[in-house]
Amino acid sequence: MAAPDPADLTTWVISGAGFGPVTRGAAYPGVAEPLTAFELSPVDEICPTLFTLEGEDTAALLLIVSAAGDVVEEVWVSGSPDASGALPVAPRTVEGIGLGSSIDELTAAYPELQQVGQLSAEGFGYAVGDEELGWVDFIVVEDVVTSIGSSAEPRAPKEFCG
């Protein structure tokens, strides 16, 4: 597999280790230095461990860093179709699962998928992975993948701050 292009999210593969060149355990903010096509910004002063990487016409990535602010602990991407039905440009798993994938596609790609939470009447969290390689987390709303994360343990957060 070719190395990911730091400027092209479509070449980044989502895994339990991270998203392409943005890996869990990487030094922060150094991990973002080669990603010149993206702007790194804090989410909010009340959420000091959350940062976004945003590019033009792409889904924003959410980086969750350690309390000390020096290590990437999780990476997430979220997005839904716009009014025309187009999805934001975003990475996918090696199995081809990404934002907008259906629950049927998700379960076919990952027979070992575990449900890890219910976020709302129509929102569920799923995860696949293990403690050694990490976990890929999926938030599914109304049978469509709306968020994907890379974490050390299976997660289905209702919110990221707090």
N, C-alpha and C. Protein backbone atom coordinates (compact mmCIF):
# COMPACT_ATOMS: atom_id res chain seq x y z
N MET A 1 0.84 -1.17 0.00
CA MET A 1 0.00 0.00 0.00
C MET A 1 0.90 1.25 0.00
N ALA A 2 0.54 2.20 -0.83
CA ALA A 2 1.31 3.44 -0.94
C ALA A 2 1.15 4.28 0.33
N ALA A 3 2.16 5.07 0.60
CA ALA A 3 2.10 5.98 1.75
C ALA A 3 1.01 7.02 1.52
N PRO A 4 0.33 7.44 2.57
CA PRO A 4 -0.72 8.44 2.39
C PRO A 4 -0.14 9.79 1.97
N ASP A 5 -0.87 10.47 1.10
CA ASP A 5 -0.51 11.83 0.70
C ASP A 5 -0.99 12.76 1.81
N PRO A 6 -0.09 13.50 2.45
CA PRO A 6 -0.51 14.36 3.57
C PRO A 6 -1.58 15.39 3.20
N ALA A 7 -1.74 15.69 1.92
CA ALA A 7 -2.71 16.70 1.49
C ALA A 7 -4.02 16.11 0.99
N ASP A 8 -4.12 14.76 0.92
CA ASP A 8 -5.29 14.12 0.31
C ASP A 8 -5.90 13.10 1.25
N LEU A 9 -7.00 13.49 1.90
CA LEU A 9 -7.67 12.58 2.85
C LEU A 9 -8.10 11.27 2.22
N THR A 10 -8.36 11.25 0.92
CA THR A 10 -8.82 10.01 0.29
C THR A 10 -7.72 8.96 0.24
N THR A 11 -6.46 9.33 0.49
CA THR A 11 -5.37 8.35 0.52
C THR A 11 -5.09 7.85 1.93
N TRP A 12 -5.74 8.44 2.92
CA TRP A 12 -5.53 8.04 4.31
C TRP A 12 -6.41 6.85 4.64
N VAL A 13 -5.87 5.88 5.33
CA VAL A 13 -6.63 4.70 5.75
C VAL A 13 -6.90 4.81 7.24
N ILE A 14 -8.16 4.58 7.61
CA ILE A 14 -8.57 4.57 9.02
C ILE A 14 -8.28 3.18 9.59
N SER A 15 -7.59 3.15 10.72
CA SER A 15 -7.32 1.89 11.40
C SER A 15 -7.33 2.14 12.91
N GLY A 16 -7.12 1.10 13.68
CA GLY A 16 -7.01 1.26 15.12
C GLY A 16 -5.81 2.10 15.53
N ALA A 17 -4.85 2.25 14.62
CA ALA A 17 -3.65 3.05 14.90
C ALA A 17 -3.86 4.53 14.65
N GLY A 18 -4.88 4.89 13.86
CA GLY A 18 -5.13 6.29 13.54
C GLY A 18 -5.69 6.45 12.15
N PHE A 19 -5.52 7.65 11.62
CA PHE A 19 -6.00 7.98 10.28
C PHE A 19 -4.78 8.39 9.45
N GLY A 20 -4.34 7.52 8.55
CA GLY A 20 -3.19 7.85 7.71
C GLY A 20 -2.03 8.33 8.56
N PRO A 21 -1.50 9.54 8.25
CA PRO A 21 -0.33 10.04 8.98
C PRO A 21 -0.63 10.57 10.38
N VAL A 22 -1.89 10.63 10.76
CA VAL A 22 -2.27 11.11 12.10
C VAL A 22 -2.52 9.88 12.97
N THR A 23 -1.50 9.51 13.73
CA THR A 23 -1.58 8.27 14.50
C THR A 23 -1.76 8.55 15.99
N ARG A 24 -2.45 7.62 16.63
CA ARG A 24 -2.58 7.69 18.08
C ARG A 24 -1.20 7.50 18.68
N GLY A 25 -0.89 8.27 19.69
CA GLY A 25 0.41 8.20 20.33
C GLY A 25 1.44 9.15 19.72
N ALA A 26 1.07 9.80 18.62
CA ALA A 26 1.99 10.74 17.97
C ALA A 26 2.15 12.00 18.81
N ALA A 27 3.30 12.62 18.69
CA ALA A 27 3.57 13.87 19.41
C ALA A 27 2.65 14.97 18.87
N TYR A 28 2.08 15.72 19.79
CA TYR A 28 1.21 16.83 19.42
C TYR A 28 1.88 18.12 19.88
N PRO A 29 1.91 19.16 19.07
CA PRO A 29 1.26 19.35 17.77
C PRO A 29 2.12 18.94 16.57
N GLY A 30 3.29 18.33 16.82
CA GLY A 30 4.19 17.97 15.73
C GLY A 30 3.56 17.12 14.64
N VAL A 31 2.60 16.26 15.01
CA VAL A 31 1.96 15.40 14.02
C VAL A 31 1.30 16.21 12.90
N ALA A 32 0.90 17.43 13.18
CA ALA A 32 0.20 18.26 12.19
C ALA A 32 1.15 19.06 11.30
N GLU A 33 2.42 19.16 11.66
CA GLU A 33 3.35 20.01 10.90
C GLU A 33 3.44 19.66 9.42
N PRO A 34 3.52 18.37 9.02
CA PRO A 34 3.60 18.08 7.59
C PRO A 34 2.26 18.20 6.84
N LEU A 35 1.19 18.45 7.57
CA LEU A 35 -0.15 18.50 6.98
C LEU A 35 -0.50 19.93 6.59
N THR A 36 0.27 20.49 5.70
CA THR A 36 0.15 21.92 5.37
C THR A 36 -1.14 22.28 4.64
N ALA A 37 -1.85 21.29 4.12
CA ALA A 37 -3.13 21.56 3.44
C ALA A 37 -4.27 21.74 4.44
N PHE A 38 -3.98 21.56 5.72
CA PHE A 38 -5.01 21.62 6.75
C PHE A 38 -4.67 22.66 7.79
N GLU A 39 -5.70 23.24 8.36
CA GLU A 39 -5.52 24.22 9.44
C GLU A 39 -5.83 23.54 10.77
N LEU A 40 -4.91 23.64 11.70
CA LEU A 40 -5.08 23.08 13.04
C LEU A 40 -5.62 24.17 13.95
N SER A 41 -6.74 23.88 14.62
CA SER A 41 -7.37 24.89 15.49
C SER A 41 -7.93 24.24 16.75
N PRO A 42 -7.88 24.97 17.87
CA PRO A 42 -8.56 24.47 19.06
C PRO A 42 -10.07 24.52 18.84
N VAL A 43 -10.79 23.57 19.43
CA VAL A 43 -12.25 23.56 19.29
C VAL A 43 -12.87 24.67 20.11
N ASP A 44 -12.47 24.75 21.38
CA ASP A 44 -13.09 25.69 22.31
C ASP A 44 -12.22 25.75 23.55
N GLU A 45 -12.12 26.89 24.18
CA GLU A 45 -11.28 26.99 25.37
C GLU A 45 -11.80 26.15 26.53
N ILE A 46 -13.09 25.81 26.54
CA ILE A 46 -13.60 24.95 27.62
C ILE A 46 -13.31 23.47 27.35
N CYS A 47 -12.81 23.16 26.14
CA CYS A 47 -12.42 21.79 25.78
C CYS A 47 -10.96 21.80 25.35
N PRO A 48 -10.02 21.94 26.29
CA PRO A 48 -8.61 22.15 25.93
C PRO A 48 -7.92 20.95 25.29
N THR A 49 -8.56 19.79 25.26
CA THR A 49 -7.92 18.62 24.65
C THR A 49 -8.46 18.31 23.26
N LEU A 50 -9.32 19.19 22.71
CA LEU A 50 -9.92 18.95 21.39
C LEU A 50 -9.41 19.95 20.37
N PHE A 51 -8.98 19.42 19.21
CA PHE A 51 -8.48 20.25 18.12
C PHE A 51 -9.03 19.72 16.80
N THR A 52 -9.24 20.61 15.84
CA THR A 52 -9.68 20.18 14.52
C THR A 52 -8.58 20.40 13.51
N LEU A 53 -8.55 19.52 12.53
CA LEU A 53 -7.73 19.67 11.33
C LEU A 53 -8.72 19.85 10.20
N GLU A 54 -8.74 21.03 9.60
CA GLU A 54 -9.71 21.31 8.55
C GLU A 54 -9.02 21.68 7.26
N GLY A 55 -9.51 21.08 6.18
CA GLY A 55 -9.03 21.40 4.84
C GLY A 55 -10.18 21.91 4.00
N GLU A 56 -9.86 22.40 2.82
CA GLU A 56 -10.88 22.92 1.92
C GLU A 56 -11.68 21.75 1.34
N ASP A 57 -13.00 21.81 1.44
CA ASP A 57 -13.91 20.79 0.89
C ASP A 57 -13.67 19.39 1.45
N THR A 58 -13.23 19.31 2.70
CA THR A 58 -13.03 18.01 3.34
C THR A 58 -13.77 17.97 4.66
N ALA A 59 -13.99 16.76 5.14
CA ALA A 59 -14.53 16.60 6.48
C ALA A 59 -13.43 17.04 7.46
N ALA A 60 -13.82 17.67 8.54
CA ALA A 60 -12.86 18.06 9.57
C ALA A 60 -12.52 16.83 10.41
N LEU A 61 -11.25 16.72 10.76
CA LEU A 61 -10.83 15.67 11.68
C LEU A 61 -10.77 16.26 13.08
N LEU A 62 -11.19 15.48 14.06
CA LEU A 62 -11.12 15.88 15.45
C LEU A 62 -9.98 15.11 16.10
N LEU A 63 -9.03 15.84 16.67
CA LEU A 63 -7.94 15.22 17.41
C LEU A 63 -8.21 15.41 18.90
N ILE A 64 -8.15 14.32 19.63
CA ILE A 64 -8.28 14.38 21.08
C ILE A 64 -6.89 14.10 21.63
N VAL A 65 -6.36 15.07 22.37
CA VAL A 65 -5.00 14.94 22.88
C VAL A 65 -5.02 14.67 24.38
N SER A 66 -3.88 14.28 24.90
CA SER A 66 -3.73 13.97 26.32
C SER A 66 -3.98 15.21 27.17
N ALA A 67 -4.24 15.00 28.44
CA ALA A 67 -4.46 16.12 29.37
C ALA A 67 -3.25 17.04 29.39
N ALA A 68 -2.06 16.49 29.20
CA ALA A 68 -0.84 17.30 29.15
C ALA A 68 -0.71 18.06 27.83
N GLY A 69 -1.52 17.67 26.84
CA GLY A 69 -1.52 18.36 25.56
C GLY A 69 -0.39 18.00 24.62
N ASP A 70 0.27 16.86 24.86
CA ASP A 70 1.45 16.55 24.05
C ASP A 70 1.37 15.27 23.21
N VAL A 71 0.26 14.53 23.32
CA VAL A 71 0.12 13.26 22.60
C VAL A 71 -1.29 13.13 22.04
N VAL A 72 -1.40 12.64 20.80
CA VAL A 72 -2.71 12.36 20.20
C VAL A 72 -3.23 11.06 20.81
N GLU A 73 -4.42 11.11 21.40
CA GLU A 73 -5.02 9.91 22.00
C GLU A 73 -6.09 9.29 21.11
N GLU A 74 -6.85 10.12 20.39
CA GLU A 74 -7.89 9.62 19.50
C GLU A 74 -8.00 10.53 18.29
N VAL A 75 -8.53 9.96 17.20
CA VAL A 75 -8.79 10.73 15.99
C VAL A 75 -10.21 10.36 15.54
N TRP A 76 -10.99 11.36 15.16
CA TRP A 76 -12.37 11.14 14.72
C TRP A 76 -12.66 11.96 13.47
N VAL A 77 -13.60 11.48 12.68
CA VAL A 77 -14.13 12.23 11.55
C VAL A 77 -15.65 12.06 11.58
N SER A 78 -16.35 13.13 11.28
CA SER A 78 -17.82 13.09 11.25
C SER A 78 -18.31 13.84 10.02
N GLY A 79 -19.47 13.44 9.55
CA GLY A 79 -20.05 14.16 8.43
C GLY A 79 -21.30 13.48 7.91
N SER A 80 -22.14 14.28 7.32
CA SER A 80 -23.39 13.81 6.72
C SER A 80 -23.50 14.44 5.34
N PRO A 81 -24.35 13.87 4.50
CA PRO A 81 -24.52 14.45 3.16
C PRO A 81 -25.05 15.88 3.24
N ASP A 82 -24.63 16.71 2.27
CA ASP A 82 -25.17 18.06 2.18
C ASP A 82 -26.53 18.00 1.47
N ALA A 83 -27.10 19.15 1.17
CA ALA A 83 -28.44 19.20 0.56
C ALA A 83 -28.51 18.45 -0.77
N SER A 84 -27.38 18.39 -1.48
CA SER A 84 -27.36 17.69 -2.78
C SER A 84 -27.09 16.20 -2.62
N GLY A 85 -26.83 15.77 -1.39
CA GLY A 85 -26.54 14.36 -1.14
C GLY A 85 -25.06 14.03 -1.16
N ALA A 86 -24.21 15.02 -1.42
CA ALA A 86 -22.77 14.78 -1.47
C ALA A 86 -22.18 14.70 -0.07
N LEU A 87 -21.29 13.75 0.13
CA LEU A 87 -20.60 13.58 1.41
C LEU A 87 -19.30 14.37 1.39
N PRO A 88 -18.84 14.85 2.56
CA PRO A 88 -17.54 15.51 2.60
C PRO A 88 -16.43 14.50 2.30
N VAL A 89 -15.35 14.98 1.72
CA VAL A 89 -14.19 14.13 1.44
C VAL A 89 -13.61 13.69 2.78
N ALA A 90 -13.40 12.39 2.92
CA ALA A 90 -12.93 11.84 4.19
C ALA A 90 -12.21 10.52 3.95
N PRO A 91 -11.36 10.12 4.90
CA PRO A 91 -10.71 8.82 4.77
C PRO A 91 -11.70 7.68 4.95
N ARG A 92 -11.25 6.47 4.58
CA ARG A 92 -12.04 5.25 4.73
C ARG A 92 -11.18 4.17 5.36
N THR A 93 -11.81 3.11 5.82
CA THR A 93 -11.07 1.96 6.31
C THR A 93 -10.55 1.17 5.12
N VAL A 94 -9.64 0.25 5.35
CA VAL A 94 -9.11 -0.58 4.27
C VAL A 94 -10.23 -1.40 3.62
N GLU A 95 -11.29 -1.68 4.39
CA GLU A 95 -12.43 -2.42 3.88
C GLU A 95 -13.39 -1.53 3.08
N GLY A 96 -13.09 -0.23 3.00
CA GLY A 96 -13.91 0.69 2.21
C GLY A 96 -15.02 1.38 2.97
N ILE A 97 -15.08 1.20 4.28
CA ILE A 97 -16.15 1.82 5.07
C ILE A 97 -15.76 3.27 5.38
N GLY A 98 -16.72 4.17 5.16
CA GLY A 98 -16.50 5.58 5.43
C GLY A 98 -17.80 6.26 5.79
N LEU A 99 -17.73 7.58 5.89
CA LEU A 99 -18.95 8.34 6.15
C LEU A 99 -19.96 8.03 5.06
N GLY A 100 -21.20 7.80 5.46
CA GLY A 100 -22.25 7.50 4.49
C GLY A 100 -22.45 6.03 4.21
N SER A 101 -21.53 5.17 4.69
CA SER A 101 -21.72 3.73 4.51
C SER A 101 -22.96 3.29 5.30
N SER A 102 -23.63 2.26 4.81
CA SER A 102 -24.83 1.76 5.48
C SER A 102 -24.45 0.76 6.57
N ILE A 103 -25.37 0.52 7.48
CA ILE A 103 -25.15 -0.47 8.52
C ILE A 103 -24.94 -1.84 7.89
N ASP A 104 -25.62 -2.13 6.79
CA ASP A 104 -25.44 -3.42 6.11
C ASP A 104 -24.03 -3.55 5.55
N GLU A 105 -23.50 -2.47 4.98
CA GLU A 105 -22.12 -2.49 4.47
C GLU A 105 -21.14 -2.66 5.63
N LEU A 106 -21.40 -1.98 6.74
CA LEU A 106 -20.54 -2.05 7.91
C LEU A 106 -20.50 -3.47 8.48
N THR A 107 -21.64 -4.09 8.66
CA THR A 107 -21.66 -5.44 9.24
C THR A 107 -21.11 -6.47 8.27
N ALA A 108 -21.26 -6.26 6.96
CA ALA A 108 -20.67 -7.18 5.99
C ALA A 108 -19.15 -7.07 5.99
N ALA A 109 -18.63 -5.85 6.14
CA ALA A 109 -17.18 -5.64 6.14
C ALA A 109 -16.55 -6.15 7.43
N TYR A 110 -17.30 -6.09 8.53
CA TYR A 110 -16.76 -6.45 9.84
C TYR A 110 -17.71 -7.42 10.55
N PRO A 111 -17.64 -8.71 10.24
CA PRO A 111 -18.53 -9.67 10.91
C PRO A 111 -18.34 -9.71 12.43
N GLU A 112 -17.15 -9.31 12.91
CA GLU A 112 -16.85 -9.32 14.34
C GLU A 112 -17.24 -8.02 15.04
N LEU A 113 -17.93 -7.14 14.36
CA LEU A 113 -18.35 -5.85 14.89
C LEU A 113 -19.13 -6.02 16.19
N GLN A 114 -18.83 -5.16 17.17
CA GLN A 114 -19.51 -5.20 18.46
C GLN A 114 -20.31 -3.92 18.65
N GLN A 115 -21.55 -4.04 19.12
CA GLN A 115 -22.29 -2.84 19.51
C GLN A 115 -21.77 -2.43 20.88
N VAL A 116 -21.39 -1.14 21.01
CA VAL A 116 -20.81 -0.67 22.27
C VAL A 116 -21.63 0.40 22.96
N GLY A 117 -22.74 0.80 22.36
CA GLY A 117 -23.57 1.79 23.01
C GLY A 117 -24.74 2.23 22.16
N GLN A 118 -25.73 2.78 22.83
CA GLN A 118 -26.86 3.40 22.15
C GLN A 118 -26.86 4.87 22.54
N LEU A 119 -26.76 5.75 21.54
CA LEU A 119 -26.63 7.17 21.78
C LEU A 119 -27.97 7.90 21.74
N SER A 120 -28.92 7.34 21.01
CA SER A 120 -30.25 7.92 20.87
C SER A 120 -31.16 6.82 20.36
N ALA A 121 -32.41 7.17 20.11
CA ALA A 121 -33.35 6.16 19.61
C ALA A 121 -32.86 5.55 18.30
N GLU A 122 -32.21 6.36 17.46
CA GLU A 122 -31.74 5.88 16.15
C GLU A 122 -30.23 5.90 16.02
N GLY A 123 -29.50 6.14 17.12
CA GLY A 123 -28.04 6.24 17.06
C GLY A 123 -27.36 5.18 17.90
N PHE A 124 -26.44 4.47 17.27
CA PHE A 124 -25.75 3.37 17.94
C PHE A 124 -24.25 3.48 17.70
N GLY A 125 -23.47 2.99 18.68
CA GLY A 125 -22.03 2.93 18.54
C GLY A 125 -21.59 1.50 18.35
N TYR A 126 -20.62 1.30 17.45
CA TYR A 126 -20.06 -0.01 17.17
C TYR A 126 -18.55 0.11 17.17
N ALA A 127 -17.86 -1.00 17.39
CA ALA A 127 -16.40 -0.99 17.36
C ALA A 127 -15.88 -2.33 16.87
N VAL A 128 -14.68 -2.27 16.29
CA VAL A 128 -13.97 -3.46 15.86
C VAL A 128 -12.50 -3.24 16.15
N GLY A 129 -11.83 -4.26 16.65
CA GLY A 129 -10.40 -4.14 16.94
C GLY A 129 -10.01 -4.96 18.14
N ASP A 130 -8.88 -4.56 18.75
CA ASP A 130 -8.42 -5.22 19.96
C ASP A 130 -7.49 -4.28 20.72
N GLU A 131 -7.10 -4.70 21.93
CA GLU A 131 -6.28 -3.84 22.77
C GLU A 131 -4.89 -3.61 22.18
N GLU A 132 -4.37 -4.56 21.43
CA GLU A 132 -3.03 -4.44 20.87
C GLU A 132 -2.98 -3.47 19.69
N LEU A 133 -3.91 -3.61 18.75
CA LEU A 133 -3.89 -2.80 17.52
C LEU A 133 -4.76 -1.56 17.60
N GLY A 134 -5.58 -1.48 18.64
CA GLY A 134 -6.50 -0.35 18.76
C GLY A 134 -7.86 -0.68 18.17
N TRP A 135 -8.75 0.27 18.28
CA TRP A 135 -10.14 0.07 17.88
C TRP A 135 -10.55 1.10 16.83
N VAL A 136 -11.39 0.66 15.92
CA VAL A 136 -12.06 1.58 15.00
C VAL A 136 -13.50 1.63 15.47
N ASP A 137 -13.95 2.84 15.77
CA ASP A 137 -15.29 3.06 16.33
C ASP A 137 -16.18 3.69 15.26
N PHE A 138 -17.43 3.28 15.24
CA PHE A 138 -18.39 3.80 14.27
C PHE A 138 -19.63 4.29 14.99
N ILE A 139 -20.08 5.49 14.66
CA ILE A 139 -21.37 5.98 15.13
C ILE A 139 -22.31 5.87 13.94
N VAL A 140 -23.42 5.18 14.14
CA VAL A 140 -24.40 4.94 13.09
C VAL A 140 -25.72 5.57 13.51
N VAL A 141 -26.23 6.47 12.68
CA VAL A 141 -27.51 7.13 12.95
C VAL A 141 -28.44 6.83 11.79
N GLU A 142 -29.62 6.31 12.13
CA GLU A 142 -30.60 5.93 11.11
C GLU A 142 -29.97 5.05 10.04
N ASP A 143 -29.18 4.06 10.50
CA ASP A 143 -28.56 3.04 9.67
C ASP A 143 -27.47 3.55 8.73
N VAL A 144 -26.90 4.75 9.01
CA VAL A 144 -25.83 5.31 8.18
C VAL A 144 -24.67 5.73 9.08
N VAL A 145 -23.44 5.42 8.66
CA VAL A 145 -22.24 5.82 9.41
C VAL A 145 -22.09 7.33 9.32
N THR A 146 -22.09 8.00 10.49
CA THR A 146 -21.95 9.45 10.54
C THR A 146 -20.65 9.90 11.20
N SER A 147 -20.00 9.01 11.95
CA SER A 147 -18.72 9.32 12.59
C SER A 147 -17.89 8.05 12.67
N ILE A 148 -16.56 8.23 12.56
CA ILE A 148 -15.62 7.12 12.70
C ILE A 148 -14.47 7.61 13.55
N GLY A 149 -14.03 6.76 14.47
CA GLY A 149 -12.92 7.12 15.34
C GLY A 149 -11.88 6.03 15.44
N SER A 150 -10.71 6.41 15.89
CA SER A 150 -9.62 5.49 16.19
C SER A 150 -9.26 5.72 17.65
N SER A 151 -9.34 4.65 18.46
CA SER A 151 -9.15 4.81 19.90
C SER A 151 -8.47 3.59 20.51
N ALA A 152 -8.06 3.73 21.76
CA ALA A 152 -7.40 2.64 22.48
C ALA A 152 -8.39 1.63 23.03
N GLU A 153 -9.65 2.01 23.14
CA GLU A 153 -10.69 1.12 23.64
C GLU A 153 -11.97 1.40 22.88
N PRO A 154 -12.90 0.45 22.83
CA PRO A 154 -14.14 0.70 22.09
C PRO A 154 -14.93 1.84 22.71
N ARG A 155 -15.35 2.79 21.85
CA ARG A 155 -16.04 3.98 22.36
C ARG A 155 -17.22 4.35 21.48
N ALA A 156 -18.21 4.95 22.12
CA ALA A 156 -19.35 5.51 21.42
C ALA A 156 -19.76 6.79 22.17
N PRO A 157 -18.94 7.83 22.08
CA PRO A 157 -19.21 9.03 22.88
C PRO A 157 -20.42 9.82 22.36
N LYS A 158 -21.24 10.29 23.30
CA LYS A 158 -22.34 11.19 22.92
C LYS A 158 -21.78 12.58 22.64
N GLU A 159 -20.69 12.92 23.31
CA GLU A 159 -20.01 14.19 23.09
C GLU A 159 -18.54 13.97 23.40
N PHE A 160 -17.70 14.87 22.90
CA PHE A 160 -16.27 14.71 23.06
C PHE A 160 -15.67 15.60 24.15
N CYS A 161 -16.40 16.59 24.58
CA CYS A 161 -15.92 17.48 25.62
C CYS A 161 -16.74 17.25 26.88
N GLY A 162 -16.07 16.81 27.91
CA GLY A 162 -16.79 16.66 29.17
C GLY A 162 -16.95 15.25 29.61
